[in-house]
Amino acid sequence: EVQLVESGGGFVQAGGSLRLSCAASGFTFDDYSIAWFRQAPGKEREGVSCISSSDGSTYYAESVKGRFTISSDGAKNTAYLQMNSLKPEDTAVYYCAFAPTVLFRQWVFVDSFYAYWGQGTQVTVSS
């Protein structure tokens, strides 16, 4: 079974940076998508970024474009989310999610397509 373990969350001042990691294990799929979602208190979970294994295509929510960068290291089975220029509105629990297929663009932020989820890591940005 696929297991995802996130790390790298924490407390940072506005304008600062954090890098989240998602270590994946227990899968043998050649084609997959890994995404980051987040959920702030009182709000619905939203997609932040996604990367596809097939060609490395990346996708970003409009709210994080130009500030966040998703990447992956196949040898380590680890995905990363580099978050720069953080804002208080980025405060949320960030979740890593795994889909055992390459998703079309219109589906990358639909959480029901992701079969496996990490436990989440808290990111807090102070103003």
Foldseek 3Di string as FASTA:
>chain_A
DKAWAKDWADEEAAQAKIKMKIFIDDDDFQWKKKFKWWDDPPGDIWTAKMFINPPRDMDGDPVQPPFWDWDADVVRNMIMIIGGRDDQVVWTWMKMFMASHGDDPVCNTPRVRTDDIYPTDTHGYHD
